[in-house]
Amino acid sequence: MIGQTPCGRATVEALRLNRSGVDVGNEQISEVICDSSLPWQEKLCVLVADSAYSQRSFLFDQSKHKNVVVIARVRSNRIFYQSPPVDESKKKRGCPKKYGERFNLADVETWHSPDERTQIQQTTCKGRLLNLNF
């Protein structure tokens, strides 16, 4: 895998047979984020990634960094789960719930109402008015 150091020098890291490219990328990103000599050490960093990096293991490892936000493309058939409800009053036998409500991107019925909505109007270079909804 070929990467580039913050100083602009190219680095080459060979992929071993038992490691995927996502694992190597995860390790390289963690090394850069944790390097205290770099100027963005204490600043918010946004990591934009392809769908290959939307794996649970990659997202979990990057969530350990308090100053990193990951924006990754996901497959249209991906299923997410909300955090399970925390109910301290009822102590039941067995393990606590691992998942909350299901959120299937392909099924509109499982979509939850958003916490916040924003609409922005923007004009393109050719004068076309766009309404952007977030």
Protein backbone atom coordinates (compact mmCIF):
# COMPACT_ATOMS: atom_id res chain seq x y z
CA MET A 1 0.00 0.00 0.00
CA ILE A 2 1.43 3.38 -0.97
CA GLY A 3 0.80 6.32 1.30
CA GLN A 4 2.19 9.77 1.85
CA THR A 5 3.68 11.18 5.01
CA PRO A 6 2.70 14.67 6.24
CA CYS A 7 6.08 15.92 4.95
CA GLY A 8 5.17 14.79 1.44
CA ARG A 9 7.48 11.76 1.27
CA ALA A 10 5.92 8.65 -0.18
CA THR A 11 5.89 5.57 2.01
CA VAL A 12 5.35 1.99 0.97
CA GLU A 13 3.93 -0.60 3.30
CA ALA A 14 3.73 -4.16 2.08
CA LEU A 15 0.48 -5.98 2.73
CA ARG A 16 1.01 -9.24 4.49
CA LEU A 17 -1.24 -12.09 3.49
CA ASN A 18 -3.13 -12.02 6.77
CA ARG A 19 -3.88 -8.25 6.76
CA SER A 20 -6.35 -6.37 4.60
CA GLY A 21 -5.81 -2.95 3.07
CA VAL A 22 -8.40 -1.53 5.48
CA ASP A 23 -6.41 -2.83 8.46
CA VAL A 24 -3.22 -1.23 7.14
CA GLY A 25 -5.07 2.04 6.43
CA ASN A 26 -6.55 1.97 9.92
CA GLU A 27 -3.10 1.58 11.44
CA GLN A 28 -1.62 4.37 9.29
CA ILE A 29 -4.42 6.79 10.17
CA SER A 30 -4.02 6.04 13.87
CA GLU A 31 -0.28 6.70 13.64
CA VAL A 32 -0.86 10.09 12.00
CA ILE A 33 -3.64 11.11 14.40
CA CYS A 34 -1.58 10.14 17.46
CA ASP A 35 1.61 11.88 16.30
CA SER A 36 2.01 14.79 18.74
CA SER A 37 4.49 16.60 16.48
CA LEU A 38 1.79 17.34 13.88
CA PRO A 39 -0.10 20.65 14.06
CA TRP A 40 -3.61 19.14 14.10
CA GLN A 41 -3.04 17.04 17.23
CA GLU A 42 -5.67 18.85 19.34
CA LYS A 43 -7.96 19.98 16.50
CA LEU A 44 -11.04 18.32 15.08
CA CYS A 45 -10.12 16.08 12.11
CA VAL A 46 -12.59 14.87 9.48
CA LEU A 47 -11.82 11.58 7.79
CA VAL A 48 -13.71 10.98 4.53
CA ALA A 49 -13.66 7.36 3.40
CA ASP A 50 -15.03 5.00 0.77
CA SER A 51 -17.49 2.22 1.55
CA ALA A 52 -14.66 -0.25 2.16
CA TYR A 53 -13.88 1.74 5.32
CA SER A 54 -17.44 1.58 6.69
CA GLN A 55 -16.65 -1.74 8.35
CA ARG A 56 -17.48 -2.03 12.03
CA SER A 57 -13.86 -2.74 13.00
CA PHE A 58 -12.54 0.37 11.23
CA LEU A 59 -15.25 2.66 12.61
CA PHE A 60 -14.80 1.27 16.12
CA ASP A 61 -11.03 1.82 16.07
CA GLN A 62 -11.41 5.38 14.76
CA SER A 63 -14.08 6.19 17.35
CA LYS A 64 -11.39 5.83 20.02
CA HIS A 65 -9.86 9.10 18.79
CA LYS A 66 -11.77 11.95 20.43
CA ASN A 67 -10.85 14.48 17.73
CA VAL A 68 -11.78 12.38 14.66
CA VAL A 69 -15.10 12.37 12.81
CA VAL A 70 -15.49 9.69 10.11
CA ILE A 71 -17.72 10.28 7.10
CA ALA A 72 -17.91 7.05 5.14
CA ARG A 73 -20.03 5.97 2.23
CA VAL A 74 -22.13 2.89 3.01
CA ARG A 75 -23.85 0.26 0.90
CA SER A 76 -27.55 0.81 0.26
CA ASN A 77 -28.46 -2.47 2.01
CA ARG A 78 -26.56 -1.63 5.21
CA ILE A 79 -28.43 -2.05 8.49
CA PHE A 80 -27.66 0.05 11.56
CA TYR A 81 -28.95 -0.22 15.11
CA GLN A 82 -29.54 2.51 17.63
CA SER A 83 -27.98 2.22 21.05
CA PRO A 84 -30.00 -0.05 23.33
CA PRO A 85 -32.20 1.65 25.90
CA VAL A 86 -30.61 1.87 29.33
CA ASP A 87 -33.05 0.81 32.02
CA GLU A 88 -31.44 0.71 35.45
CA SER A 89 -34.69 -0.03 37.30
CA LYS A 90 -35.33 -3.48 35.83
CA LYS A 91 -32.55 -5.95 36.49
CA LYS A 92 -33.09 -9.03 34.35
CA ARG A 93 -31.17 -12.24 34.10
CA GLY A 94 -28.65 -12.67 31.34
CA CYS A 95 -26.70 -10.21 29.26
CA PRO A 96 -28.02 -6.70 28.67
CA LYS A 97 -29.30 -5.86 25.18
CA LYS A 98 -26.61 -5.17 22.60
CA TYR A 99 -28.79 -3.44 20.01
CA GLY A 100 -31.58 -0.92 19.98
CA GLU A 101 -34.08 -0.23 17.21
CA ARG A 102 -33.21 -1.39 13.70
CA PHE A 103 -32.44 1.16 10.94
CA ASN A 104 -32.37 -0.33 7.44
CA LEU A 105 -31.28 2.11 4.71
CA ALA A 106 -33.27 0.23 2.06
CA ASP A 107 -36.52 0.22 4.09
CA VAL A 108 -38.13 3.64 4.58
CA GLU A 109 -40.43 2.22 7.27
CA THR A 110 -37.46 1.78 9.64
CA TRP A 111 -36.23 5.36 9.28
CA HIS A 112 -36.55 7.49 12.40
CA SER A 113 -37.48 11.15 12.39
CA PRO A 114 -34.36 13.37 12.34
CA ASP A 115 -33.26 15.28 15.40
CA GLU A 116 -32.75 18.41 13.33
CA ARG A 117 -33.47 19.65 9.80
CA THR A 118 -31.67 22.35 7.86
CA GLN A 119 -32.45 23.82 4.46
CA ILE A 120 -29.98 25.93 2.52
CA GLN A 121 -30.47 27.69 -0.79
CA GLN A 122 -27.43 27.96 -3.00
CA THR A 123 -26.96 29.36 -6.50
CA THR A 124 -24.68 27.53 -8.92
CA CYS A 125 -22.17 29.24 -11.21
CA LYS A 126 -24.73 29.07 -14.02
CA GLY A 127 -27.39 30.77 -11.92
CA ARG A 128 -29.46 27.71 -11.04
CA LEU A 129 -31.05 27.83 -7.57
CA LEU A 130 -30.60 24.68 -5.49
CA ASN A 131 -32.50 23.80 -2.31
CA LEU A 132 -30.31 21.59 -0.12
CA ASN A 133 -32.01 19.70 2.69
CA PHE A 134 -30.05 18.14 5.52
